Amino acid sequence: MLINVFIYDDNEARRDSLIALLELTDSMHFVGSAANCTSVEQDMLSSKPDVVLMDIEMPETDGIEGVKRIKSKYPFIKVIMQTVYEDSDKIFNALRYGAEGYILKKASVNHIIESIKEVYNGGAFMTPSVAMQVMNFIKKPTPSDQKMESLSPRESEVLKYLSEGDSYKMIADRLKISYGTVNNHIKKIYEKLQVHSLGEAVSYALKNNINY
């Protein structure tokens, strides 16, 4: 099955290189692009992407506003944020609004393709340096949170690895459990934290500065 991908980037040369990459990848299908998110709802309606590669810094309407608007109307569309900078505020906001992935623009071609496949299949994706920024974002201790405390030790462990940028498969390998079991744990995490995406779950955990 082809993965339909839409690209937001105000740099025409980078857009063209990403389009070429998608067209050369058998499992990918390029469905559209734009230089900003001014018409993001209409873009999603007309192109019907599975995954969006979202630049953060764009004129008029940026990527943070873009992911917020996409997730409010089309929560099933997966969004991968792309940026030049490891900006912890922007990383946190992107996750808070529901982004499933966050990679640097300097990421390798293999990382870009891997990130698209991972989020399409229900996982999350962060390059290691971005994952480190996420883990270091919250410094001050906060009061305990009842929703977080409702998680089982194994669910907390799964959430910890997600926060570090591990994929479902990596978590399954670490914990010596099946991919399906990881997926079941994540469904329970969604229910207990009352969230609807991996990005929201990770953001919730980070906001409450949970010490695993």
N, C-alpha and C. Protein backbone atom coordinates (compact mmCIF):
# COMPACT_ATOMS: atom_id res chain seq x y z
N MET A 1 0.84 -1.20 0.00
CA MET A 1 0.00 0.00 0.00
C MET A 1 0.88 1.26 0.00
N LEU A 2 0.55 2.22 -0.84
CA LEU A 2 1.31 3.47 -0.91
C LEU A 2 0.94 4.40 0.24
N ILE A 3 1.92 5.10 0.76
CA ILE A 3 1.71 6.10 1.81
C ILE A 3 1.63 7.47 1.13
N ASN A 4 0.48 8.12 1.23
CA ASN A 4 0.28 9.43 0.63
C ASN A 4 0.89 10.52 1.52
N VAL A 5 1.78 11.33 0.94
CA VAL A 5 2.52 12.31 1.73
C VAL A 5 2.35 13.72 1.16
N PHE A 6 2.06 14.67 2.04
CA PHE A 6 1.96 16.10 1.68
C PHE A 6 3.14 16.82 2.33
N ILE A 7 3.70 17.82 1.64
CA ILE A 7 4.89 18.54 2.13
C ILE A 7 4.58 20.01 2.34
N TYR A 8 4.93 20.53 3.53
CA TYR A 8 4.91 21.98 3.77
C TYR A 8 6.35 22.44 3.97
N ASP A 9 6.79 23.37 3.13
CA ASP A 9 8.13 23.94 3.27
C ASP A 9 8.19 25.20 2.42
N ASP A 10 8.67 26.30 2.98
CA ASP A 10 8.73 27.54 2.21
C ASP A 10 9.97 27.62 1.33
N ASN A 11 10.88 26.66 1.47
CA ASN A 11 12.09 26.62 0.64
C ASN A 11 11.80 25.75 -0.59
N GLU A 12 11.71 26.38 -1.75
CA GLU A 12 11.33 25.66 -2.97
C GLU A 12 12.30 24.54 -3.31
N ALA A 13 13.60 24.81 -3.14
CA ALA A 13 14.60 23.80 -3.47
C ALA A 13 14.45 22.57 -2.57
N ARG A 14 14.18 22.80 -1.28
CA ARG A 14 14.00 21.66 -0.37
C ARG A 14 12.71 20.91 -0.70
N ARG A 15 11.66 21.65 -1.02
CA ARG A 15 10.41 20.99 -1.44
C ARG A 15 10.67 20.07 -2.62
N ASP A 16 11.38 20.58 -3.60
CA ASP A 16 11.66 19.79 -4.81
C ASP A 16 12.48 18.54 -4.48
N SER A 17 13.44 18.67 -3.55
CA SER A 17 14.27 17.50 -3.20
C SER A 17 13.44 16.46 -2.46
N LEU A 18 12.52 16.91 -1.60
CA LEU A 18 11.65 15.98 -0.88
C LEU A 18 10.68 15.30 -1.85
N ILE A 19 10.16 16.06 -2.80
CA ILE A 19 9.26 15.48 -3.80
C ILE A 19 9.99 14.40 -4.59
N ALA A 20 11.23 14.69 -5.00
CA ALA A 20 12.02 13.71 -5.74
C ALA A 20 12.26 12.46 -4.91
N LEU A 21 12.54 12.64 -3.62
CA LEU A 21 12.76 11.51 -2.73
C LEU A 21 11.51 10.63 -2.66
N LEU A 22 10.35 11.25 -2.50
CA LEU A 22 9.10 10.49 -2.41
C LEU A 22 8.82 9.75 -3.71
N GLU A 23 9.07 10.41 -4.84
CA GLU A 23 8.79 9.79 -6.13
C GLU A 23 9.73 8.64 -6.45
N LEU A 24 10.90 8.63 -5.80
CA LEU A 24 11.86 7.55 -6.01
C LEU A 24 11.69 6.41 -4.99
N THR A 25 10.76 6.58 -4.07
CA THR A 25 10.54 5.56 -3.03
C THR A 25 9.26 4.80 -3.35
N ASP A 26 9.39 3.49 -3.56
CA ASP A 26 8.28 2.67 -4.04
C ASP A 26 7.04 2.75 -3.15
N SER A 27 7.24 2.84 -1.84
CA SER A 27 6.10 2.79 -0.91
C SER A 27 5.47 4.17 -0.66
N MET A 28 6.01 5.22 -1.28
CA MET A 28 5.53 6.58 -1.04
C MET A 28 4.82 7.16 -2.27
N HIS A 29 3.86 8.06 -2.01
CA HIS A 29 3.16 8.74 -3.09
C HIS A 29 3.00 10.21 -2.72
N PHE A 30 3.61 11.09 -3.49
CA PHE A 30 3.52 12.53 -3.26
C PHE A 30 2.15 13.03 -3.70
N VAL A 31 1.42 13.72 -2.80
CA VAL A 31 0.06 14.18 -3.13
C VAL A 31 -0.09 15.69 -3.13
N GLY A 32 0.96 16.44 -2.76
CA GLY A 32 0.84 17.89 -2.81
C GLY A 32 1.85 18.59 -1.92
N SER A 33 1.97 19.91 -2.12
CA SER A 33 2.89 20.69 -1.29
C SER A 33 2.41 22.13 -1.23
N ALA A 34 2.94 22.87 -0.24
CA ALA A 34 2.62 24.29 -0.09
C ALA A 34 3.74 24.98 0.67
N ALA A 35 3.82 26.30 0.52
CA ALA A 35 4.88 27.08 1.16
C ALA A 35 4.51 27.55 2.55
N ASN A 36 3.24 27.39 2.95
CA ASN A 36 2.82 27.70 4.32
C ASN A 36 1.47 27.03 4.58
N CYS A 37 0.96 27.21 5.79
CA CYS A 37 -0.26 26.50 6.20
C CYS A 37 -1.51 27.37 6.17
N THR A 38 -1.49 28.43 5.38
CA THR A 38 -2.64 29.33 5.32
C THR A 38 -3.92 28.60 4.93
N SER A 39 -3.82 27.67 3.98
CA SER A 39 -5.01 26.93 3.50
C SER A 39 -4.94 25.46 3.92
N VAL A 40 -4.44 25.22 5.12
CA VAL A 40 -4.14 23.84 5.52
C VAL A 40 -5.37 22.93 5.51
N GLU A 41 -6.52 23.42 5.97
CA GLU A 41 -7.72 22.56 5.98
C GLU A 41 -8.12 22.14 4.57
N GLN A 42 -8.09 23.11 3.63
CA GLN A 42 -8.43 22.80 2.24
C GLN A 42 -7.38 21.89 1.61
N ASP A 43 -6.12 22.10 1.96
CA ASP A 43 -5.04 21.24 1.45
C ASP A 43 -5.30 19.78 1.85
N MET A 44 -5.67 19.58 3.11
CA MET A 44 -5.89 18.22 3.62
C MET A 44 -7.12 17.60 2.96
N LEU A 45 -8.16 18.41 2.77
CA LEU A 45 -9.40 17.91 2.17
C LEU A 45 -9.19 17.47 0.74
N SER A 46 -8.43 18.27 -0.02
CA SER A 46 -8.27 17.98 -1.45
C SER A 46 -7.22 16.89 -1.73
N SER A 47 -6.17 16.82 -0.89
CA SER A 47 -5.08 15.86 -1.16
C SER A 47 -5.19 14.55 -0.40
N LYS A 48 -5.91 14.58 0.73
CA LYS A 48 -6.13 13.38 1.55
C LYS A 48 -4.83 12.62 1.87
N PRO A 49 -3.87 13.27 2.50
CA PRO A 49 -2.61 12.58 2.82
C PRO A 49 -2.74 11.66 4.02
N ASP A 50 -1.85 10.68 4.09
CA ASP A 50 -1.73 9.86 5.29
C ASP A 50 -0.76 10.50 6.26
N VAL A 51 0.30 11.11 5.70
CA VAL A 51 1.37 11.71 6.49
C VAL A 51 1.71 13.10 5.92
N VAL A 52 1.96 14.04 6.81
CA VAL A 52 2.39 15.39 6.41
C VAL A 52 3.80 15.64 6.93
N LEU A 53 4.71 16.05 6.03
CA LEU A 53 6.03 16.54 6.43
C LEU A 53 5.89 18.05 6.63
N MET A 54 6.03 18.51 7.85
CA MET A 54 5.67 19.89 8.21
C MET A 54 6.89 20.71 8.64
N ASP A 55 7.25 21.69 7.82
CA ASP A 55 8.27 22.65 8.22
C ASP A 55 7.71 23.49 9.37
N ILE A 56 8.55 23.91 10.30
CA ILE A 56 8.07 24.74 11.41
C ILE A 56 8.11 26.22 11.05
N GLU A 57 9.25 26.68 10.55
CA GLU A 57 9.42 28.10 10.25
C GLU A 57 8.94 28.41 8.83
N MET A 58 7.74 28.98 8.73
CA MET A 58 7.19 29.38 7.43
C MET A 58 6.49 30.73 7.58
N PRO A 59 6.43 31.53 6.51
CA PRO A 59 5.77 32.83 6.59
C PRO A 59 4.25 32.70 6.69
N GLU A 60 3.62 33.74 7.19
CA GLU A 60 2.15 33.86 7.29
C GLU A 60 1.57 32.87 8.30
N THR A 61 1.57 31.60 7.98
CA THR A 61 1.04 30.59 8.90
C THR A 61 2.07 29.48 9.05
N ASP A 62 2.65 29.36 10.25
CA ASP A 62 3.77 28.43 10.44
C ASP A 62 3.31 27.00 10.75
N GLY A 63 4.29 26.13 10.97
CA GLY A 63 4.00 24.72 11.17
C GLY A 63 3.35 24.38 12.49
N ILE A 64 3.61 25.16 13.53
CA ILE A 64 2.96 24.92 14.82
C ILE A 64 1.46 25.14 14.69
N GLU A 65 1.09 26.25 14.07
CA GLU A 65 -0.34 26.51 13.82
C GLU A 65 -0.90 25.47 12.87
N GLY A 66 -0.07 25.04 11.90
CA GLY A 66 -0.51 24.03 10.94
C GLY A 66 -0.88 22.71 11.58
N VAL A 67 0.00 22.19 12.45
CA VAL A 67 -0.30 20.91 13.09
C VAL A 67 -1.51 21.04 14.01
N LYS A 68 -1.65 22.17 14.67
CA LYS A 68 -2.80 22.41 15.54
C LYS A 68 -4.11 22.34 14.74
N ARG A 69 -4.12 22.98 13.58
CA ARG A 69 -5.34 23.00 12.75
C ARG A 69 -5.62 21.66 12.11
N ILE A 70 -4.56 20.96 11.68
CA ILE A 70 -4.75 19.63 11.10
C ILE A 70 -5.35 18.68 12.13
N LYS A 71 -4.76 18.65 13.33
CA LYS A 71 -5.20 17.70 14.34
C LYS A 71 -6.60 18.01 14.88
N SER A 72 -6.99 19.28 14.84
CA SER A 72 -8.33 19.63 15.34
C SER A 72 -9.41 19.14 14.39
N LYS A 73 -9.09 19.06 13.10
CA LYS A 73 -10.10 18.66 12.11
C LYS A 73 -9.87 17.28 11.53
N TYR A 74 -8.61 16.89 11.40
CA TYR A 74 -8.26 15.59 10.81
C TYR A 74 -7.28 14.85 11.72
N PRO A 75 -7.71 14.42 12.89
CA PRO A 75 -6.79 13.81 13.87
C PRO A 75 -6.12 12.53 13.38
N PHE A 76 -6.67 11.90 12.36
CA PHE A 76 -6.11 10.65 11.84
C PHE A 76 -4.92 10.89 10.92
N ILE A 77 -4.70 12.14 10.46
CA ILE A 77 -3.54 12.44 9.62
C ILE A 77 -2.30 12.55 10.50
N LYS A 78 -1.25 11.85 10.14
CA LYS A 78 0.00 11.85 10.91
C LYS A 78 0.86 13.04 10.48
N VAL A 79 1.51 13.68 11.45
CA VAL A 79 2.32 14.87 11.15
C VAL A 79 3.74 14.70 11.69
N ILE A 80 4.71 14.92 10.82
CA ILE A 80 6.12 14.90 11.22
C ILE A 80 6.67 16.31 11.07
N MET A 81 7.12 16.89 12.16
CA MET A 81 7.67 18.24 12.14
C MET A 81 9.13 18.19 11.68
N GLN A 82 9.52 19.20 10.89
CA GLN A 82 10.90 19.31 10.44
C GLN A 82 11.43 20.71 10.73
N THR A 83 12.63 20.79 11.23
CA THR A 83 13.21 22.09 11.53
C THR A 83 14.73 22.05 11.44
N VAL A 84 15.32 23.22 11.32
CA VAL A 84 16.78 23.34 11.30
C VAL A 84 17.31 23.33 12.73
N TYR A 85 16.50 23.83 13.67
CA TYR A 85 16.97 24.04 15.04
C TYR A 85 16.36 23.05 16.02
N GLU A 86 17.14 22.71 17.05
CA GLU A 86 16.66 21.84 18.13
C GLU A 86 16.06 22.74 19.22
N ASP A 87 14.95 23.39 18.90
CA ASP A 87 14.31 24.36 19.78
C ASP A 87 13.33 23.64 20.69
N SER A 88 13.64 23.56 21.99
CA SER A 88 12.82 22.77 22.91
C SER A 88 11.40 23.30 23.03
N ASP A 89 11.21 24.62 22.99
CA ASP A 89 9.85 25.18 23.06
C ASP A 89 9.01 24.72 21.88
N LYS A 90 9.60 24.80 20.70
CA LYS A 90 8.86 24.40 19.49
C LYS A 90 8.61 22.90 19.48
N ILE A 91 9.59 22.11 19.91
CA ILE A 91 9.40 20.66 20.00
C ILE A 91 8.22 20.35 20.92
N PHE A 92 8.22 20.97 22.08
CA PHE A 92 7.17 20.71 23.07
C PHE A 92 5.80 21.11 22.52
N ASN A 93 5.71 22.29 21.90
CA ASN A 93 4.43 22.74 21.36
C ASN A 93 3.93 21.84 20.24
N ALA A 94 4.85 21.39 19.37
CA ALA A 94 4.45 20.50 18.30
C ALA A 94 3.88 19.20 18.84
N LEU A 95 4.54 18.64 19.87
CA LEU A 95 4.04 17.41 20.50
C LEU A 95 2.72 17.66 21.21
N ARG A 96 2.62 18.80 21.85
CA ARG A 96 1.39 19.13 22.59
C ARG A 96 0.18 19.19 21.66
N TYR A 97 0.39 19.64 20.45
CA TYR A 97 -0.71 19.71 19.49
C TYR A 97 -0.92 18.41 18.73
N GLY A 98 -0.12 17.39 19.01
CA GLY A 98 -0.40 16.06 18.48
C GLY A 98 0.51 15.53 17.41
N ALA A 99 1.64 16.20 17.13
CA ALA A 99 2.57 15.69 16.11
C ALA A 99 3.13 14.33 16.52
N GLU A 100 3.27 13.44 15.54
CA GLU A 100 3.78 12.10 15.83
C GLU A 100 5.29 11.98 15.67
N GLY A 101 5.90 12.93 14.97
CA GLY A 101 7.33 12.85 14.74
C GLY A 101 7.97 14.22 14.73
N TYR A 102 9.29 14.25 14.96
CA TYR A 102 10.02 15.52 14.98
C TYR A 102 11.45 15.22 14.56
N ILE A 103 11.82 15.67 13.37
CA ILE A 103 13.17 15.39 12.88
C ILE A 103 13.84 16.69 12.40
N LEU A 104 15.15 16.67 12.40
CA LEU A 104 15.91 17.81 11.90
C LEU A 104 16.00 17.74 10.37
N LYS A 105 16.06 18.92 9.74
CA LYS A 105 16.14 18.95 8.28
C LYS A 105 17.43 18.31 7.77
N LYS A 106 18.45 18.29 8.61
CA LYS A 106 19.71 17.68 8.18
C LYS A 106 19.68 16.15 8.31
N ALA A 107 18.54 15.60 8.73
CA ALA A 107 18.42 14.14 8.87
C ALA A 107 18.68 13.48 7.52
N SER A 108 19.22 12.27 7.56
CA SER A 108 19.54 11.53 6.35
C SER A 108 18.27 11.13 5.60
N VAL A 109 18.43 10.82 4.34
CA VAL A 109 17.32 10.34 3.52
C VAL A 109 16.67 9.11 4.17
N ASN A 110 17.49 8.21 4.68
CA ASN A 110 16.97 7.00 5.33
C ASN A 110 16.13 7.34 6.56
N HIS A 111 16.56 8.36 7.33
CA HIS A 111 15.80 8.76 8.50
C HIS A 111 14.45 9.34 8.11
N ILE A 112 14.42 10.12 7.04
CA ILE A 112 13.17 10.71 6.59
C ILE A 112 12.18 9.63 6.17
N ILE A 113 12.66 8.68 5.37
CA ILE A 113 11.79 7.58 4.93
C ILE A 113 11.34 6.73 6.12
N GLU A 114 12.28 6.44 7.03
CA GLU A 114 11.96 5.66 8.22
C GLU A 114 10.91 6.35 9.08
N SER A 115 11.04 7.67 9.22
CA SER A 115 10.08 8.41 10.05
C SER A 115 8.67 8.35 9.46
N ILE A 116 8.58 8.47 8.14
CA ILE A 116 7.26 8.41 7.48
C ILE A 116 6.63 7.04 7.69
N LYS A 117 7.41 5.99 7.48
CA LYS A 117 6.88 4.63 7.65
C LYS A 117 6.48 4.37 9.10
N GLU A 118 7.30 4.85 10.04
CA GLU A 118 7.04 4.60 11.46
C GLU A 118 5.73 5.25 11.92
N VAL A 119 5.54 6.53 11.59
CA VAL A 119 4.31 7.20 12.05
C VAL A 119 3.09 6.67 11.30
N TYR A 120 3.26 6.31 10.03
CA TYR A 120 2.15 5.74 9.27
C TYR A 120 1.65 4.44 9.91
N ASN A 121 2.60 3.68 10.46
CA ASN A 121 2.24 2.39 11.09
C ASN A 121 1.86 2.53 12.56
N GLY A 122 1.65 3.75 13.01
CA GLY A 122 1.14 3.96 14.36
C GLY A 122 2.18 4.28 15.40
N GLY A 123 3.43 4.43 14.99
CA GLY A 123 4.49 4.72 15.95
C GLY A 123 4.78 6.21 16.05
N ALA A 124 5.84 6.52 16.78
CA ALA A 124 6.33 7.89 16.88
C ALA A 124 7.79 7.89 16.44
N PHE A 125 8.30 9.06 16.03
CA PHE A 125 9.68 9.09 15.57
C PHE A 125 10.33 10.41 15.94
N MET A 126 11.48 10.30 16.60
CA MET A 126 12.31 11.48 16.86
C MET A 126 13.77 11.10 16.65
N THR A 127 14.51 11.95 15.97
CA THR A 127 15.95 11.70 15.87
C THR A 127 16.55 11.81 17.27
N PRO A 128 17.64 11.09 17.56
CA PRO A 128 18.20 11.05 18.93
C PRO A 128 18.46 12.42 19.55
N SER A 129 18.98 13.37 18.77
CA SER A 129 19.29 14.68 19.34
C SER A 129 18.02 15.42 19.74
N VAL A 130 16.96 15.23 18.95
CA VAL A 130 15.68 15.85 19.30
C VAL A 130 15.09 15.19 20.54
N ALA A 131 15.19 13.85 20.60
CA ALA A 131 14.69 13.13 21.78
C ALA A 131 15.37 13.63 23.05
N MET A 132 16.67 13.92 22.96
CA MET A 132 17.40 14.43 24.12
C MET A 132 16.88 15.81 24.53
N GLN A 133 16.58 16.66 23.55
CA GLN A 133 16.01 17.97 23.85
C GLN A 133 14.67 17.83 24.56
N VAL A 134 13.87 16.88 24.09
CA VAL A 134 12.56 16.65 24.71
C VAL A 134 12.72 16.21 26.15
N MET A 135 13.65 15.28 26.39
CA MET A 135 13.84 14.77 27.74
C MET A 135 14.36 15.84 28.70
N ASN A 136 15.11 16.81 28.16
CA ASN A 136 15.68 17.87 29.00
C ASN A 136 14.80 19.10 29.12
N PHE A 137 13.64 19.08 28.46
CA PHE A 137 12.83 20.30 28.37
C PHE A 137 12.32 20.77 29.73
N ILE A 138 11.76 19.83 30.49
CA ILE A 138 11.19 20.20 31.78
C ILE A 138 12.23 20.01 32.87
N LYS A 139 12.55 21.06 33.61
CA LYS A 139 13.57 21.00 34.65
C LYS A 139 13.00 21.04 36.06
N LYS A 140 11.92 21.78 36.25
CA LYS A 140 11.39 21.97 37.60
C LYS A 140 10.45 20.84 37.99
N PRO A 141 10.54 20.37 39.24
CA PRO A 141 9.62 19.32 39.69
C PRO A 141 8.20 19.85 39.78
N THR A 142 7.24 18.99 39.53
CA THR A 142 5.83 19.37 39.62
C THR A 142 5.11 18.40 40.53
N PRO A 143 3.93 18.78 41.04
CA PRO A 143 3.18 17.87 41.91
C PRO A 143 2.81 16.59 41.15
N SER A 144 2.58 15.53 41.90
CA SER A 144 2.21 14.27 41.27
C SER A 144 0.88 14.42 40.55
N ASP A 145 0.68 13.65 39.53
CA ASP A 145 -0.52 13.72 38.70
C ASP A 145 -1.26 12.38 38.79
N GLN A 146 -2.55 12.44 39.09
CA GLN A 146 -3.31 11.21 39.31
C GLN A 146 -3.40 10.35 38.05
N LYS A 147 -3.53 10.99 36.90
CA LYS A 147 -3.61 10.21 35.66
C LYS A 147 -2.32 9.45 35.43
N MET A 148 -1.18 10.13 35.65
CA MET A 148 0.10 9.45 35.47
C MET A 148 0.27 8.34 36.49
N GLU A 149 -0.17 8.58 37.70
CA GLU A 149 -0.03 7.57 38.75
C GLU A 149 -0.91 6.36 38.50
N SER A 150 -1.93 6.52 37.64
CA SER A 150 -2.82 5.39 37.32
C SER A 150 -2.17 4.40 36.35
N LEU A 151 -1.07 4.82 35.72
CA LEU A 151 -0.38 3.91 34.80
C LEU A 151 0.31 2.79 35.56
N SER A 152 0.28 1.61 34.98
CA SER A 152 1.01 0.48 35.58
C SER A 152 2.51 0.70 35.37
N PRO A 153 3.35 -0.02 36.15
CA PRO A 153 4.81 0.12 35.94
C PRO A 153 5.23 -0.14 34.50
N ARG A 154 4.62 -1.13 33.85
CA ARG A 154 4.99 -1.44 32.47
C ARG A 154 4.52 -0.34 31.52
N GLU A 155 3.32 0.21 31.76
CA GLU A 155 2.83 1.31 30.92
C GLU A 155 3.73 2.55 31.06
N SER A 156 4.17 2.82 32.30
CA SER A 156 5.08 3.95 32.53
C SER A 156 6.40 3.72 31.81
N GLU A 157 6.85 2.46 31.80
CA GLU A 157 8.10 2.12 31.14
C GLU A 157 7.98 2.33 29.63
N VAL A 158 6.86 1.89 29.06
CA VAL A 158 6.62 2.08 27.63
C VAL A 158 6.59 3.58 27.29
N LEU A 159 5.91 4.37 28.12
CA LEU A 159 5.82 5.81 27.89
C LEU A 159 7.20 6.47 27.99
N LYS A 160 8.00 6.00 28.92
CA LYS A 160 9.37 6.52 29.06
C LYS A 160 10.16 6.32 27.76
N TYR A 161 10.09 5.11 27.20
CA TYR A 161 10.84 4.82 25.98
C TYR A 161 10.29 5.61 24.80
N LEU A 162 8.96 5.80 24.76
CA LEU A 162 8.38 6.64 23.72
C LEU A 162 8.93 8.06 23.82
N SER A 163 9.04 8.56 25.05
CA SER A 163 9.55 9.92 25.28
C SER A 163 11.00 10.06 24.83
N GLU A 164 11.72 8.95 24.82
CA GLU A 164 13.12 8.96 24.39
C GLU A 164 13.26 8.79 22.88
N GLY A 165 12.11 8.63 22.21
CA GLY A 165 12.13 8.54 20.76
C GLY A 165 12.17 7.14 20.20
N ASP A 166 11.98 6.11 21.04
CA ASP A 166 12.00 4.73 20.56
C ASP A 166 10.75 4.42 19.74
N SER A 167 10.90 3.58 18.74
CA SER A 167 9.77 3.11 17.95
C SER A 167 9.08 1.95 18.69
N TYR A 168 7.91 1.55 18.22
CA TYR A 168 7.21 0.40 18.81
C TYR A 168 8.13 -0.83 18.79
N LYS A 169 8.79 -1.06 17.64
CA LYS A 169 9.64 -2.25 17.51
C LYS A 169 10.80 -2.20 18.50
N MET A 170 11.41 -1.02 18.66
CA MET A 170 12.52 -0.89 19.59
C MET A 170 12.07 -1.17 21.02
N ILE A 171 10.87 -0.70 21.38
CA ILE A 171 10.34 -0.93 22.72
C ILE A 171 10.07 -2.42 22.93
N ALA A 172 9.49 -3.05 21.91
CA ALA A 172 9.23 -4.49 22.00
C ALA A 172 10.53 -5.26 22.23
N ASP A 173 11.58 -4.89 21.51
CA ASP A 173 12.88 -5.55 21.66
C ASP A 173 13.47 -5.30 23.05
N ARG A 174 13.38 -4.06 23.53
CA ARG A 174 13.92 -3.71 24.85
C ARG A 174 13.25 -4.52 25.96
N LEU A 175 11.91 -4.61 25.87
CA LEU A 175 11.13 -5.23 26.95
C LEU A 175 10.87 -6.72 26.71
N LYS A 176 11.35 -7.20 25.53
CA LYS A 176 11.16 -8.62 25.18
C LYS A 176 9.68 -9.01 25.18
N ILE A 177 8.89 -8.15 24.54
CA ILE A 177 7.46 -8.42 24.37
C ILE A 177 7.13 -8.23 22.90
N SER A 178 5.91 -8.60 22.50
CA SER A 178 5.54 -8.50 21.09
C SER A 178 5.14 -7.07 20.72
N TYR A 179 5.18 -6.80 19.43
CA TYR A 179 4.74 -5.51 18.90
C TYR A 179 3.29 -5.25 19.31
N GLY A 180 2.44 -6.29 19.22
CA GLY A 180 1.03 -6.16 19.59
C GLY A 180 0.84 -5.81 21.05
N THR A 181 1.68 -6.37 21.92
CA THR A 181 1.60 -6.06 23.35
C THR A 181 1.96 -4.60 23.61
N VAL A 182 2.98 -4.11 22.90
CA VAL A 182 3.34 -2.69 23.02
C VAL A 182 2.14 -1.83 22.61
N ASN A 183 1.51 -2.19 21.51
CA ASN A 183 0.35 -1.45 21.01
C ASN A 183 -0.78 -1.45 22.04
N ASN A 184 -1.00 -2.58 22.71
CA ASN A 184 -2.04 -2.67 23.74
C ASN A 184 -1.72 -1.78 24.93
N HIS A 185 -0.45 -1.75 25.33
CA HIS A 185 -0.04 -0.87 26.43
C HIS A 185 -0.30 0.59 26.07
N ILE A 186 -0.01 0.95 24.83
CA ILE A 186 -0.18 2.34 24.40
C ILE A 186 -1.67 2.72 24.36
N LYS A 187 -2.53 1.78 23.96
CA LYS A 187 -3.97 2.04 23.99
C LYS A 187 -4.43 2.33 25.42
N LYS A 188 -3.90 1.57 26.38
CA LYS A 188 -4.23 1.78 27.80
C LYS A 188 -3.73 3.15 28.27
N ILE A 189 -2.53 3.52 27.81
CA ILE A 189 -1.98 4.83 28.17
C ILE A 189 -2.89 5.93 27.65
N TYR A 190 -3.36 5.79 26.41
CA TYR A 190 -4.29 6.78 25.84
C TYR A 190 -5.52 6.93 26.72
N GLU A 191 -6.10 5.78 27.11
CA GLU A 191 -7.33 5.78 27.90
C GLU A 191 -7.11 6.47 29.26
N LYS A 192 -6.02 6.11 29.92
CA LYS A 192 -5.78 6.61 31.27
C LYS A 192 -5.40 8.09 31.28
N LEU A 193 -4.66 8.52 30.27
CA LEU A 193 -4.26 9.93 30.21
C LEU A 193 -5.28 10.79 29.48
N GLN A 194 -6.28 10.12 28.87
CA GLN A 194 -7.34 10.81 28.11
C GLN A 194 -6.73 11.64 26.98
N VAL A 195 -5.88 10.99 26.19
CA VAL A 195 -5.26 11.63 25.04
C VAL A 195 -5.58 10.80 23.79
N HIS A 196 -5.22 11.35 22.62
CA HIS A 196 -5.61 10.71 21.36
C HIS A 196 -4.45 10.46 20.41
N SER A 197 -3.22 10.78 20.84
CA SER A 197 -2.07 10.54 19.97
C SER A 197 -0.83 10.32 20.83
N LEU A 198 0.19 9.75 20.22
CA LEU A 198 1.45 9.55 20.93
C LEU A 198 2.07 10.88 21.32
N GLY A 199 1.97 11.85 20.43
CA GLY A 199 2.51 13.17 20.74
C GLY A 199 1.89 13.76 21.99
N GLU A 200 0.56 13.65 22.11
CA GLU A 200 -0.13 14.16 23.29
C GLU A 200 0.30 13.41 24.55
N ALA A 201 0.45 12.08 24.43
CA ALA A 201 0.84 11.28 25.59
C ALA A 201 2.23 11.67 26.08
N VAL A 202 3.18 11.79 25.14
CA VAL A 202 4.54 12.18 25.51
C VAL A 202 4.55 13.58 26.09
N SER A 203 3.81 14.49 25.46
CA SER A 203 3.74 15.87 25.94
C SER A 203 3.17 15.92 27.35
N TYR A 204 2.13 15.12 27.62
CA TYR A 204 1.50 15.09 28.94
C TYR A 204 2.50 14.63 30.00
N ALA A 205 3.24 13.58 29.66
CA ALA A 205 4.23 13.06 30.60
C ALA A 205 5.31 14.09 30.89
N LEU A 206 5.79 14.75 29.83
CA LEU A 206 6.85 15.73 30.01
C LEU A 206 6.36 16.95 30.80
N LYS A 207 5.13 17.37 30.54
CA LYS A 207 4.57 18.53 31.23
C LYS A 207 4.46 18.28 32.73
N ASN A 208 4.21 17.02 33.07
CA ASN A 208 4.07 16.68 34.48
C ASN A 208 5.38 16.18 35.10
N ASN A 209 6.44 16.23 34.29
CA ASN A 209 7.81 15.94 34.77
C ASN A 209 7.85 14.66 35.58
N ILE A 210 7.35 13.59 34.99
CA ILE A 210 7.30 12.33 35.72
C ILE A 210 8.68 11.70 35.77
N ASN A 211 9.10 11.29 36.92
CA ASN A 211 10.37 10.58 37.09
C ASN A 211 10.10 9.09 37.05
N TYR A 212 10.55 8.41 35.99
CA TYR A 212 10.27 6.98 35.84
C TYR A 212 11.23 6.17 36.69
